[in-house]
PDB file of N, CA and C in Angstrom:
ATOM      1  N   UNK A   1      -3.560 -17.446  18.225  1.00  0.00           N
ATOM      2  CA  UNK A   1      -2.994 -17.806  17.245  1.00  0.00           C
ATOM      3  C   UNK A   1      -2.067 -17.015  17.570  1.00  0.00           C
ATOM      4  N   UNK A   2      -0.240 -17.185  17.239  1.00  0.00           N
ATOM      5  CA  UNK A   2      -0.002 -15.879  17.146  1.00  0.00           C
ATOM      6  C   UNK A   2       1.098 -15.372  15.840  1.00  0.00           C
ATOM      7  N   UNK A   3       0.728 -13.621  15.310  1.00  0.00           N
ATOM      8  CA  UNK A   3       0.885 -13.887  13.983  1.00  0.00           C
ATOM      9  C   UNK A   3       2.706 -14.002  14.132  1.00  0.00           C
ATOM     10  N   UNK A   4       3.255 -13.707  12.853  1.00  0.00           N
ATOM     11  CA  UNK A   4       5.120 -13.552  12.488  1.00  0.00           C
ATOM     12  C   UNK A   4       5.211 -12.521  12.267  1.00  0.00           C
ATOM     13  N   UNK A   5       5.527 -12.132  13.004  1.00  0.00           N
ATOM     14  CA  UNK A   5       6.460  -9.897  12.535  1.00  0.00           C
ATOM     15  C   UNK A   5       7.906 -10.339  11.744  1.00  0.00           C
ATOM     16  N   UNK A   6       7.371  -9.540  11.062  1.00  0.00           N
ATOM     17  CA  UNK A   6       8.362  -9.757   9.443  1.00  0.00           C
ATOM     18  C   UNK A   6       9.520  -8.890   9.583  1.00  0.00           C
ATOM     19  N   UNK A   7      10.554  -9.286   9.293  1.00  0.00           N
ATOM     20  CA  UNK A   7      12.103  -8.730   9.811  1.00  0.00           C
ATOM     21  C   UNK A   7      11.871  -6.928   8.517  1.00  0.00           C
ATOM     22  N   UNK A   8      12.653  -6.480   8.521  1.00  0.00           N
ATOM     23  CA  UNK A   8      12.405  -5.385   7.225  1.00  0.00           C
ATOM     24  C   UNK A   8      13.009  -4.888   5.920  1.00  0.00           C
ATOM     25  N   UNK A   9      13.285  -6.624   5.848  1.00  0.00           N
ATOM     26  CA  UNK A   9      13.783  -7.011   5.083  1.00  0.00           C
ATOM     27  C   UNK A   9      13.165  -8.291   3.839  1.00  0.00           C
ATOM     28  N   UNK A  10      11.886  -8.493   4.670  1.00  0.00           N
ATOM     29  CA  UNK A  10      11.024  -9.657   4.558  1.00  0.00           C
ATOM     30  C   UNK A  10       9.680  -8.415   3.841  1.00  0.00           C
ATOM     31  N   UNK A  11      10.105  -7.422   4.468  1.00  0.00           N
ATOM     32  CA  UNK A  11       8.846  -6.012   4.211  1.00  0.00           C
ATOM     33  C   UNK A  11       9.200  -5.774   2.538  1.00  0.00           C
ATOM     34  N   UNK A  12      10.475  -5.523   3.088  1.00  0.00           N
ATOM     35  CA  UNK A  12      10.996  -4.679   1.064  1.00  0.00           C
ATOM     36  C   UNK A  12      10.151  -5.504   0.122  1.00  0.00           C
ATOM     37  N   UNK A  13      10.559  -6.586   0.170  1.00  0.00           N
ATOM     38  CA  UNK A  13      10.755  -7.969  -0.535  1.00  0.00           C
ATOM     39  C   UNK A  13       8.979  -7.753  -0.468  1.00  0.00           C
ATOM     40  N   UNK A  14       8.450  -7.895  -0.523  1.00  0.00           N
ATOM     41  CA  UNK A  14       6.611  -8.111   0.249  1.00  0.00           C
ATOM     42  C   UNK A  14       6.501  -6.542  -0.963  1.00  0.00           C
ATOM     43  N   UNK A  15       6.222  -5.611  -0.488  1.00  0.00           N
ATOM     44  CA  UNK A  15       6.064  -4.594  -0.889  1.00  0.00           C
ATOM     45  C   UNK A  15       7.038  -3.212  -2.038  1.00  0.00           C
ATOM     46  N   UNK A  16       8.166  -4.905  -2.107  1.00  0.00           N
ATOM     47  CA  UNK A  16       8.993  -4.005  -4.106  1.00  0.00           C
ATOM     48  C   UNK A  16       9.696  -2.593  -3.358  1.00  0.00           C
ATOM     49  N   UNK A  17       9.501  -1.932  -2.404  1.00  0.00           N
ATOM     50  CA  UNK A  17      10.561  -0.731  -2.043  1.00  0.00           C
ATOM     51  C   UNK A  17      11.697  -1.292  -1.640  1.00  0.00           C
ATOM     52  N   UNK A  18      12.109  -0.272  -1.444  1.00  0.00           N
ATOM     53  CA  UNK A  18      14.090  -0.274  -0.837  1.00  0.00           C
ATOM     54  C   UNK A  18      13.766  -0.324   1.417  1.00  0.00           C
ATOM     55  N   UNK A  19      14.774  -1.017   1.430  1.00  0.00           N
ATOM     56  CA  UNK A  19      14.731  -1.188   2.806  1.00  0.00           C
ATOM     57  C   UNK A  19      15.261   0.618   3.410  1.00  0.00           C
ATOM     58  N   UNK A  20      15.565   1.677   2.675  1.00  0.00           N
ATOM     59  CA  UNK A  20      15.515   1.974   3.129  1.00  0.00           C
ATOM     60  C   UNK A  20      14.718   3.923   3.358  1.00  0.00           C
ATOM     61  N   UNK A  21      13.207   3.190   2.219  1.00  0.00           N
ATOM     62  CA  UNK A  21      12.348   3.948   2.034  1.00  0.00           C
ATOM     63  C   UNK A  21      12.003   3.210   3.236  1.00  0.00           C
ATOM     64  N   UNK A  22      11.670   2.059   3.814  1.00  0.00           N
ATOM     65  CA  UNK A  22      10.686   2.046   3.942  1.00  0.00           C
ATOM     66  C   UNK A  22      11.487   2.689   5.652  1.00  0.00           C
ATOM     67  N   UNK A  23      12.087   2.240   6.596  1.00  0.00           N
ATOM     68  CA  UNK A  23      13.045   2.748   7.334  1.00  0.00           C
ATOM     69  C   UNK A  23      12.191   4.387   7.352  1.00  0.00           C
ATOM     70  N   UNK A  24      12.552   5.210   6.483  1.00  0.00           N
ATOM     71  CA  UNK A  24      12.444   6.499   6.282  1.00  0.00           C
ATOM     72  C   UNK A  24      10.822   6.675   6.905  1.00  0.00           C
ATOM     73  N   UNK A  25      10.010   5.830   6.104  1.00  0.00           N
ATOM     74  CA  UNK A  25       8.086   6.305   5.995  1.00  0.00           C
ATOM     75  C   UNK A  25       8.140   5.604   7.444  1.00  0.00           C
ATOM     76  N   UNK A  26       8.685   3.808   7.858  1.00  0.00           N
ATOM     77  CA  UNK A  26       8.601   4.211   9.299  1.00  0.00           C
ATOM     78  C   UNK A  26       8.921   5.100   9.968  1.00  0.00           C
ATOM     79  N   UNK A  27      10.019   6.200   9.915  1.00  0.00           N
ATOM     80  CA  UNK A  27       9.863   7.505  10.287  1.00  0.00           C
ATOM     81  C   UNK A  27       8.794   8.260  10.950  1.00  0.00           C
ATOM     82  N   UNK A  28       8.663   8.157   9.387  1.00  0.00           N
ATOM     83  CA  UNK A  28       6.983   9.327   8.947  1.00  0.00           C
ATOM     84  C   UNK A  28       5.391   9.561   9.645  1.00  0.00           C
ATOM     85  N   UNK A  29       5.815   8.106   9.873  1.00  0.00           N
ATOM     86  CA  UNK A  29       4.416   7.952  10.706  1.00  0.00           C
ATOM     87  C   UNK A  29       5.014   6.463  11.319  1.00  0.00           C
ATOM     88  N   UNK A  30       5.826   7.075  12.553  1.00  0.00           N
ATOM     89  CA  UNK A  30       5.476   6.175  13.638  1.00  0.00           C
ATOM     90  C   UNK A  30       4.340   6.242  14.524  1.00  0.00           C
ATOM     91  N   UNK A  31       4.148   5.139  14.690  1.00  0.00           N
ATOM     92  CA  UNK A  31       2.981   4.379  14.905  1.00  0.00           C
ATOM     93  C   UNK A  31       2.385   3.905  14.453  1.00  0.00           C
ATOM     94  N   UNK A  32       2.047   4.673  12.902  1.00  0.00           N
ATOM     95  CA  UNK A  32       0.912   4.334  12.435  1.00  0.00           C
ATOM     96  C   UNK A  32       1.348   2.993  12.035  1.00  0.00           C
ATOM     97  N   UNK A  33       2.561   2.046  11.829  1.00  0.00           N
ATOM     98  CA  UNK A  33       2.606   0.679  11.136  1.00  0.00           C
ATOM     99  C   UNK A  33       2.366   0.267  12.354  1.00  0.00           C
ATOM    100  N   UNK A  34       2.562   0.033  13.357  1.00  0.00           N
ATOM    101  CA  UNK A  34       3.240  -0.736  14.193  1.00  0.00           C
ATOM    102  C   UNK A  34       4.220  -1.498  14.496  1.00  0.00           C
ATOM    103  N   UNK A  35       5.630  -0.774  14.310  1.00  0.00           N
ATOM    104  CA  UNK A  35       6.433  -1.389  14.382  1.00  0.00           C
ATOM    105  C   UNK A  35       6.754  -1.507  15.564  1.00  0.00           C
ATOM    106  N   UNK A  36       7.908  -2.439  15.811  1.00  0.00           N
ATOM    107  CA  UNK A  36       8.570  -2.814  17.365  1.00  0.00           C
ATOM    108  C   UNK A  36      10.061  -3.095  17.041  1.00  0.00           C
ATOM    109  N   UNK A  37      10.143  -3.336  18.586  1.00  0.00           N
ATOM    110  CA  UNK A  37      11.723  -2.513  17.783  1.00  0.00           C
ATOM    111  C   UNK A  37      12.158  -4.411  17.975  1.00  0.00           C
ATOM    112  N   UNK A  38      13.203  -5.334  17.891  1.00  0.00           N
ATOM    113  CA  UNK A  38      13.810  -6.669  18.842  1.00  0.00           C
ATOM    114  C   UNK A  38      14.958  -6.081  19.506  1.00  0.00           C
ATOM    115  N   UNK A  39      15.723  -7.150  19.555  1.00  0.00           N
ATOM    116  CA  UNK A  39      16.812  -7.332  19.740  1.00  0.00           C
ATOM    117  C   UNK A  39      18.066  -6.353  19.162  1.00  0.00           C
ATOM    118  N   UNK A  40      18.929  -6.047  20.107  1.00  0.00           N
ATOM    119  CA  UNK A  40      19.260  -5.083  19.008  1.00  0.00           C
ATOM    120  C   UNK A  40      19.499  -3.740  17.998  1.00  0.00           C
ATOM    121  N   UNK A  41      18.054  -3.931  18.228  1.00  0.00           N
ATOM    122  CA  UNK A  41      16.747  -2.555  17.562  1.00  0.00           C
ATOM    123  C   UNK A  41      16.555  -2.798  16.602  1.00  0.00           C
ATOM    124  N   UNK A  42      16.496  -4.050  15.688  1.00  0.00           N
ATOM    125  CA  UNK A  42      15.633  -4.077  14.870  1.00  0.00           C
ATOM    126  C   UNK A  42      14.744  -3.885  14.118  1.00  0.00           C
ATOM    127  N   UNK A  43      13.627  -4.170  14.112  1.00  0.00           N
ATOM    128  CA  UNK A  43      12.579  -3.187  13.040  1.00  0.00           C
ATOM    129  C   UNK A  43      11.881  -3.996  12.789  1.00  0.00           C
ATOM    130  N   UNK A  44      10.538  -4.766  12.963  1.00  0.00           N
ATOM    131  CA  UNK A  44       9.919  -5.528  12.937  1.00  0.00           C
ATOM    132  C   UNK A  44       8.543  -5.411  13.117  1.00  0.00           C
ATOM    133  N   UNK A  45       7.700  -6.156  11.711  1.00  0.00           N
ATOM    134  CA  UNK A  45       6.842  -5.099  11.421  1.00  0.00           C
ATOM    135  C   UNK A  45       5.925  -6.400  11.871  1.00  0.00           C
ATOM    136  N   UNK A  46       4.100  -6.560  12.046  1.00  0.00           N
ATOM    137  CA  UNK A  46       3.170  -7.131  11.861  1.00  0.00           C
ATOM    138  C   UNK A  46       3.007  -6.944  10.592  1.00  0.00           C
ATOM    139  N   UNK A  47       2.702  -8.274  10.124  1.00  0.00           N
ATOM    140  CA  UNK A  47       1.925  -8.843   8.426  1.00  0.00           C
ATOM    141  C   UNK A  47       1.139  -7.140   8.219  1.00  0.00           C
ATOM    142  N   UNK A  48       0.092  -6.167   8.190  1.00  0.00           N
ATOM    143  CA  UNK A  48      -0.317  -5.880   8.081  1.00  0.00           C
ATOM    144  C   UNK A  48      -0.479  -4.281   7.883  1.00  0.00           C
ATOM    145  N   UNK A  49       1.499  -3.924   7.626  1.00  0.00           N
ATOM    146  CA  UNK A  49       1.776  -3.185   7.822  1.00  0.00           C
ATOM    147  C   UNK A  49       2.588  -3.321   6.376  1.00  0.00           C
ATOM    148  N   UNK A  50       2.513  -4.578   5.482  1.00  0.00           N
ATOM    149  CA  UNK A  50       2.838  -4.038   4.052  1.00  0.00           C
ATOM    150  C   UNK A  50       2.021  -3.726   4.142  1.00  0.00           C
ATOM    151  N   UNK A  51       0.456  -4.096   3.808  1.00  0.00           N
ATOM    152  CA  UNK A  51      -0.720  -3.146   3.898  1.00  0.00           C
ATOM    153  C   UNK A  51      -0.274  -1.522   3.280  1.00  0.00           C
ATOM    154  N   UNK A  52      -0.384  -1.462   4.497  1.00  0.00           N
ATOM    155  CA  UNK A  52      -0.386  -0.044   4.567  1.00  0.00           C
ATOM    156  C   UNK A  52       1.288   0.784   3.586  1.00  0.00           C
ATOM    157  N   UNK A  53       1.975  -0.489   4.050  1.00  0.00           N
ATOM    158  CA  UNK A  53       3.059   0.459   3.552  1.00  0.00           C
ATOM    159  C   UNK A  53       2.680   1.076   1.945  1.00  0.00           C
ATOM    160  N   UNK A  54       2.150  -0.261   1.512  1.00  0.00           N
ATOM    161  CA  UNK A  54       2.292   0.083  -0.265  1.00  0.00           C
ATOM    162  C   UNK A  54       0.476   1.401   0.318  1.00  0.00           C
ATOM    163  N   UNK A  55       0.132   1.328   0.887  1.00  0.00           N
ATOM    164  CA  UNK A  55      -0.975   2.816   0.819  1.00  0.00           C
ATOM    165  C   UNK A  55      -0.364   3.705   0.486  1.00  0.00           C
ATOM    166  N   UNK A  56       1.036   3.927   1.727  1.00  0.00           N
ATOM    167  CA  UNK A  56       1.542   4.776   1.690  1.00  0.00           C
ATOM    168  C   UNK A  56       2.009   5.504   0.304  1.00  0.00           C
ATOM    169  N   UNK A  57       3.160   4.488  -0.214  1.00  0.00           N
ATOM    170  CA  UNK A  57       3.743   4.609  -1.333  1.00  0.00           C
ATOM    171  C   UNK A  57       3.234   5.073  -2.587  1.00  0.00           C
ATOM    172  N   UNK A  58       1.413   4.886  -2.127  1.00  0.00           N
ATOM    173  CA  UNK A  58       0.270   4.908  -3.248  1.00  0.00           C
ATOM    174  C   UNK A  58       0.414   6.589  -3.351  1.00  0.00           C
ATOM    175  N   UNK A  59      -0.328   6.673  -1.388  1.00  0.00           N
ATOM    176  CA  UNK A  59      -0.999   7.873  -1.666  1.00  0.00           C
ATOM    177  C   UNK A  59       0.520   9.100  -2.004  1.00  0.00           C
ATOM    178  N   UNK A  60       1.542   8.686  -1.386  1.00  0.00           N
ATOM    179  CA  UNK A  60       2.555  10.018  -1.828  1.00  0.00           C
ATOM    180  C   UNK A  60       3.129   9.372  -3.019  1.00  0.00           C
ATOM    181  N   UNK A  61       3.341   8.641  -4.306  1.00  0.00           N
ATOM    182  CA  UNK A  61       3.780   9.081  -5.746  1.00  0.00           C
ATOM    183  C   UNK A  61       2.476   9.296  -6.735  1.00  0.00           C
ATOM    184  N   UNK A  62       1.201   7.949  -5.962  1.00  0.00           N
ATOM    185  CA  UNK A  62       0.665   7.728  -7.622  1.00  0.00           C
ATOM    186  C   UNK A  62       0.136   8.971  -7.558  1.00  0.00           C
ATOM    187  N   UNK A  63      -0.808   9.459  -6.202  1.00  0.00           N
ATOM    188  CA  UNK A  63      -1.698  10.274  -5.969  1.00  0.00           C
ATOM    189  C   UNK A  63      -0.897  11.760  -5.822  1.00  0.00           C
ATOM    190  N   UNK A  64       0.452  11.907  -5.473  1.00  0.00           N
ATOM    191  CA  UNK A  64       0.935  13.547  -5.002  1.00  0.00           C
ATOM    192  C   UNK A  64       0.850  13.650  -3.746  1.00  0.00           C
ATOM    193  N   UNK A  65       0.255  12.947  -2.189  1.00  0.00           N
ATOM    194  CA  UNK A  65       0.506  13.615  -1.749  1.00  0.00           C
ATOM    195  C   UNK A  65       0.935  14.031  -1.270  1.00  0.00           C
ATOM    196  N   UNK A  66       1.480  15.055   0.008  1.00  0.00           N
ATOM    197  CA  UNK A  66       1.603  15.435   0.694  1.00  0.00           C
ATOM    198  C   UNK A  66       2.301  14.511   2.551  1.00  0.00           C
ATOM    199  N   UNK A  67       3.414  13.817   2.855  1.00  0.00           N
ATOM    200  CA  UNK A  67       3.604  13.811   4.312  1.00  0.00           C
ATOM    201  C   UNK A  67       2.354  13.643   5.263  1.00  0.00           C
ATOM    202  N   UNK A  68       1.980  14.738   5.002  1.00  0.00           N
ATOM    203  CA  UNK A  68       0.700  15.842   5.760  1.00  0.00           C
ATOM    204  C   UNK A  68      -0.416  14.815   5.395  1.00  0.00           C
ATOM    205  N   UNK A  69      -0.280  15.271   4.867  1.00  0.00           N
ATOM    206  CA  UNK A  69      -1.936  14.315   3.633  1.00  0.00           C
ATOM    207  C   UNK A  69      -2.282  12.970   3.971  1.00  0.00           C
ATOM    208  N   UNK A  70      -1.295  12.720   4.190  1.00  0.00           N
ATOM    209  CA  UNK A  70      -1.118  10.952   4.518  1.00  0.00           C
ATOM    210  C   UNK A  70      -1.156  10.699   5.733  1.00  0.00           C
ATOM    211  N   UNK A  71      -0.742  11.340   6.579  1.00  0.00           N
ATOM    212  CA  UNK A  71      -1.116  11.046   8.180  1.00  0.00           C
ATOM    213  C   UNK A  71      -2.188  11.317   8.258  1.00  0.00           C
ATOM    214  N   UNK A  72      -2.933  12.335   8.168  1.00  0.00           N
ATOM    215  CA  UNK A  72      -4.201  12.472   8.092  1.00  0.00           C
ATOM    216  C   UNK A  72      -5.183  12.230   7.462  1.00  0.00           C
ATOM    217  N   UNK A  73      -5.208  11.222   6.490  1.00  0.00           N
ATOM    218  CA  UNK A  73      -5.855   9.939   5.987  1.00  0.00           C
ATOM    219  C   UNK A  73      -5.961   9.085   7.475  1.00  0.00           C
ATOM    220  N   UNK A  74      -4.123   8.346   7.357  1.00  0.00           N
ATOM    221  CA  UNK A  74      -4.526   7.730   7.358  1.00  0.00           C
ATOM    222  C   UNK A  74      -4.505   7.417   9.347  1.00  0.00           C
ATOM    223  N   UNK A  75      -4.275   8.659   9.453  1.00  0.00           N
ATOM    224  CA  UNK A  75      -4.157   8.951  11.336  1.00  0.00           C
ATOM    225  C   UNK A  75      -5.784   9.357  12.043  1.00  0.00           C
ATOM    226  N   UNK A  76      -6.194   9.108  10.428  1.00  0.00           N
ATOM    227  CA  UNK A  76      -7.485   9.729  11.336  1.00  0.00           C
ATOM    228  C   UNK A  76      -7.875  11.257  11.046  1.00  0.00           C
ATOM    229  N   UNK A  77      -6.121  12.258  11.150  1.00  0.00           N
ATOM    230  CA  UNK A  77      -6.811  13.511  11.045  1.00  0.00           C
ATOM    231  C   UNK A  77      -7.830  14.273  11.237  1.00  0.00           C
ATOM    232  N   UNK A  78      -8.096  15.459  10.582  1.00  0.00           N
ATOM    233  CA  UNK A  78      -9.520  16.225  10.965  1.00  0.00           C
ATOM    234  C   UNK A  78     -10.449  15.699   9.765  1.00  0.00           C
ATOM    235  N   UNK A  79     -10.072  14.495   9.605  1.00  0.00           N
ATOM    236  CA  UNK A  79     -11.911  13.147   8.142  1.00  0.00           C
ATOM    237  C   UNK A  79     -12.133  13.000   9.613  1.00  0.00           C
ATOM    238  N   UNK A  80     -13.819  12.310   9.549  1.00  0.00           N
ATOM    239  CA  UNK A  80     -14.674  11.817  10.800  1.00  0.00           C
ATOM    240  C   UNK A  80     -14.132  10.300  10.029  1.00  0.00           C
ATOM    241  N   UNK A  81     -14.566   9.246  11.103  1.00  0.00           N
ATOM    242  CA  UNK A  81     -14.680   8.026  10.479  1.00  0.00           C
ATOM    243  C   UNK A  81     -15.404   7.527   9.588  1.00  0.00           C
ATOM    244  N   UNK A  82     -17.084   7.825   8.780  1.00  0.00           N
ATOM    245  CA  UNK A  82     -17.753   7.647   8.228  1.00  0.00           C
ATOM    246  C   UNK A  82     -17.036   8.174   7.290  1.00  0.00           C
ATOM    247  N   UNK A  83     -15.888   9.421   6.895  1.00  0.00           N
ATOM    248  CA  UNK A  83     -15.817   9.832   5.832  1.00  0.00           C
ATOM    249  C   UNK A  83     -14.441   8.562   5.687  1.00  0.00           C
ATOM    250  N   UNK A  84     -13.868   8.092   6.283  1.00  0.00           N
ATOM    251  CA  UNK A  84     -12.544   7.050   6.399  1.00  0.00           C
ATOM    252  C   UNK A  84     -13.192   5.466   5.669  1.00  0.00           C
ATOM    253  N   UNK A  85     -14.289   5.869   6.553  1.00  0.00           N
ATOM    254  CA  UNK A  85     -14.788   3.976   5.889  1.00  0.00           C
ATOM    255  C   UNK A  85     -15.689   3.853   4.595  1.00  0.00           C
ATOM    256  N   UNK A  86     -16.266   5.878   3.871  1.00  0.00           N
ATOM    257  CA  UNK A  86     -16.797   5.519   2.667  1.00  0.00           C
ATOM    258  C   UNK A  86     -14.771   5.384   1.530  1.00  0.00           C
ATOM    259  N   UNK A  87     -13.999   6.256   2.668  1.00  0.00           N
ATOM    260  CA  UNK A  87     -12.754   6.508   1.786  1.00  0.00           C
ATOM    261  C   UNK A  87     -12.149   4.505   1.277  1.00  0.00           C
ATOM    262  N   UNK A  88     -13.467   3.749   2.167  1.00  0.00           N
ATOM    263  CA  UNK A  88     -12.299   2.700   2.073  1.00  0.00           C
ATOM    264  C   UNK A  88     -13.340   1.550   1.213  1.00  0.00           C
ATOM    265  N   UNK A  89     -14.344   1.690   0.904  1.00  0.00           N
ATOM    266  CA  UNK A  89     -14.747   1.497   0.167  1.00  0.00           C
ATOM    267  C   UNK A  89     -15.368   1.554  -1.562  1.00  0.00           C
ATOM    268  N   UNK A  90     -14.721   2.935  -1.432  1.00  0.00           N
ATOM    269  CA  UNK A  90     -14.355   3.348  -2.748  1.00  0.00           C
ATOM    270  C   UNK A  90     -13.290   2.819  -3.344  1.00  0.00           C
ATOM    271  N   UNK A  91     -11.525   2.438  -2.367  1.00  0.00           N
ATOM    272  CA  UNK A  91     -11.078   1.973  -2.665  1.00  0.00           C
ATOM    273  C   UNK A  91     -10.780   1.130  -3.362  1.00  0.00           C
ATOM    274  N   UNK A  92     -11.917   0.055  -1.701  1.00  0.00           N
ATOM    275  CA  UNK A  92     -12.261  -1.033  -3.102  1.00  0.00           C
ATOM    276  C   UNK A  92     -12.342  -1.401  -4.130  1.00  0.00           C
ATOM    277  N   UNK A  93     -13.597  -0.656  -4.084  1.00  0.00           N
ATOM    278  CA  UNK A  93     -14.431  -0.286  -6.125  1.00  0.00           C
ATOM    279  C   UNK A  93     -13.402  -0.072  -7.108  1.00  0.00           C
ATOM    280  N   UNK A  94     -12.159   1.321  -6.853  1.00  0.00           N
ATOM    281  CA  UNK A  94     -11.215   1.159  -8.110  1.00  0.00           C
ATOM    282  C   UNK A  94     -10.687   0.365  -7.934  1.00  0.00           C
ATOM    283  N   UNK A  95     -10.716  -0.514  -7.153  1.00  0.00           N
ATOM    284  CA  UNK A  95      -9.236  -1.919  -7.205  1.00  0.00           C
ATOM    285  C   UNK A  95      -9.987  -2.488  -8.129  1.00  0.00           C
ATOM    286  N   UNK A  96     -11.506  -2.579  -7.962  1.00  0.00           N
ATOM    287  CA  UNK A  96     -12.073  -3.946  -8.830  1.00  0.00           C
ATOM    288  C   UNK A  96     -11.625  -3.470  -9.688  1.00  0.00           C
ATOM    289  N   UNK A  97     -12.310  -1.877 -10.248  1.00  0.00           N
ATOM    290  CA  UNK A  97     -12.867  -1.824 -11.826  1.00  0.00           C
ATOM    291  C   UNK A  97     -11.284  -1.534 -12.658  1.00  0.00           C
ATOM    292  N   UNK A  98     -10.521  -1.748 -11.634  1.00  0.00           N
ATOM    293  CA  UNK A  98      -8.811  -1.966 -12.000  1.00  0.00           C
ATOM    294  C   UNK A  98      -8.052  -2.947 -12.775  1.00  0.00           C
ATOM    295  N   UNK A  99      -9.278  -4.187 -11.855  1.00  0.00           N
ATOM    296  CA  UNK A  99      -8.585  -5.429 -12.373  1.00  0.00           C
ATOM    297  C   UNK A  99      -9.577  -5.631 -13.727  1.00  0.00           C
ATOM    298  N   UNK A 100     -11.007  -5.170 -13.551  1.00  0.00           N
ATOM    299  CA  UNK A 100     -11.254  -5.387 -15.017  1.00  0.00           C
ATOM    300  C   UNK A 100     -10.869  -4.460 -16.412  1.00  0.00           C
ATOM    301  N   UNK A 101     -10.355  -3.743 -16.072  1.00  0.00           N
ATOM    302  CA  UNK A 101     -10.018  -3.009 -16.986  1.00  0.00           C
ATOM    303  C   UNK A 101      -8.885  -3.290 -17.412  1.00  0.00           C
ATOM    304  N   UNK A 102      -8.028  -4.268 -16.985  1.00  0.00           N
ATOM    305  CA  UNK A 102      -6.523  -4.906 -17.587  1.00  0.00           C
ATOM    306  C   UNK A 102      -6.647  -6.038 -17.929  1.00  0.00           C
ATOM    307  N   UNK A 103      -8.139  -7.106 -17.463  1.00  0.00           N
ATOM    308  CA  UNK A 103      -8.620  -8.424 -18.141  1.00  0.00           C
ATOM    309  C   UNK A 103      -9.735  -7.740 -19.530  1.00  0.00           C
ATOM    310  N   UNK A 104      -9.933  -6.384 -19.500  1.00  0.00           N
ATOM    311  CA  UNK A 104     -10.505  -6.222 -20.933  1.00  0.00           C
ATOM    312  C   UNK A 104      -9.160  -5.793 -21.827  1.00  0.00           C
ATOM    313  N   UNK A 105      -8.793  -4.400 -21.393  1.00  0.00           N
ATOM    314  CA  UNK A 105      -6.891  -4.481 -22.279  1.00  0.00           C
ATOM    315  C   UNK A 105      -6.235  -5.713 -22.573  1.00  0.00           C
ATOM    316  N   UNK A 106      -6.296  -7.007 -21.201  1.00  0.00           N
ATOM    317  CA  UNK A 106      -6.045  -8.223 -22.029  1.00  0.00           C
ATOM    318  C   UNK A 106      -6.953  -9.109 -23.368  1.00  0.00           C
ATOM    319  N   UNK A 107      -8.027  -8.452 -22.816  1.00  0.00           N
ATOM    320  CA  UNK A 107      -8.396  -9.473 -24.256  1.00  0.00           C
ATOM    321  C   UNK A 107      -8.259  -8.545 -25.341  1.00  0.00           C
ATOM    322  N   UNK A 108      -8.406  -7.424 -25.636  1.00  0.00           N
ATOM    323  CA  UNK A 108      -7.685  -5.643 -26.839  1.00  0.00           C
ATOM    324  C   UNK A 108      -7.129  -6.470 -27.069  1.00  0.00           C
ATOM    325  N   UNK A 109      -5.842  -6.459 -26.552  1.00  0.00           N
ATOM    326  CA  UNK A 109      -4.279  -6.999 -27.262  1.00  0.00           C
ATOM    327  C   UNK A 109      -4.716  -8.351 -27.510  1.00  0.00           C
ATOM    328  N   UNK A 110      -5.469  -9.856 -27.012  1.00  0.00           N
ATOM    329  CA  UNK A 110      -5.329 -10.987 -27.892  1.00  0.00           C
ATOM    330  C   UNK A 110      -6.151 -10.371 -29.569  1.00  0.00           C
ATOM    331  N   UNK A 111      -7.872 -10.083 -29.120  1.00  0.00           N
ATOM    332  CA  UNK A 111      -8.316  -9.776 -30.894  1.00  0.00           C
ATOM    333  C   UNK A 111      -6.467  -9.238 -31.466  1.00  0.00           C
ATOM    334  N   UNK A 112      -6.718  -7.583 -30.840  1.00  0.00           N
ATOM    335  CA  UNK A 112      -5.682  -7.893 -32.357  1.00  0.00           C
ATOM    336  C   UNK A 112      -4.236  -8.321 -32.954  1.00  0.00           C
ATOM    337  N   UNK A 113      -3.706  -8.772 -31.542  1.00  0.00           N
ATOM    338  CA  UNK A 113      -3.546 -10.135 -32.137  1.00  0.00           C
ATOM    339  C   UNK A 113      -3.690 -11.136 -32.991  1.00  0.00           C
ATOM    340  N   UNK A 114      -4.445 -11.403 -33.321  1.00  0.00           N
ATOM    341  CA  UNK A 114      -5.315 -12.634 -34.060  1.00  0.00           C
ATOM    342  C   UNK A 114      -6.108 -11.695 -35.385  1.00  0.00           C
ATOM    343  N   UNK A 115      -5.981 -10.513 -35.134  1.00  0.00           N
ATOM    344  CA  UNK A 115      -6.049  -9.456 -36.603  1.00  0.00           C
ATOM    345  C   UNK A 115      -4.863  -9.057 -37.186  1.00  0.00           C
ATOM    346  N   UNK A 116      -3.582  -8.853 -36.704  1.00  0.00           N
ATOM    347  CA  UNK A 116      -2.974  -8.946 -37.477  1.00  0.00           C
ATOM    348  C   UNK A 116      -2.021  -9.509 -37.877  1.00  0.00           C
ATOM    349  N   UNK A 117      -2.565 -10.747 -37.106  1.00  0.00           N
ATOM    350  CA  UNK A 117      -1.500 -12.707 -37.827  1.00  0.00           C
ATOM    351  C   UNK A 117      -3.194 -13.040 -39.568  1.00  0.00           C
ATOM    352  N   UNK A 118      -3.977 -11.649 -39.651  1.00  0.00           N
ATOM    353  CA  UNK A 118      -4.869 -11.949 -41.109  1.00  0.00           C
ATOM    354  C   UNK A 118      -4.758 -11.433 -41.556  1.00  0.00           C
TER     355      UNK A 118
END
């Protein structure tokens, strides 16, 4: 099965980030994104790089981590394997909770809208 490599423009669209930001992430996290070079030195990204880039952005912007901290988390750094596994489980749980909270908020907004019409 052959996987389709993505151009930097496709990755930008998939992540909602600027091409320049993706270039910066590629430079700062060299090797972690699995980028290869095509003809003319154009960057090609494996499909799984989209999620890694989103994760990097989340850690840098939303969690306030430094580049070094993100490298440690994603690259293994000083954290043992079981810690990474636990972090992945916790991230999945947090993502599930966020979705539940979005649904609850939507329900509350609908109830308030109905109550406001009365």
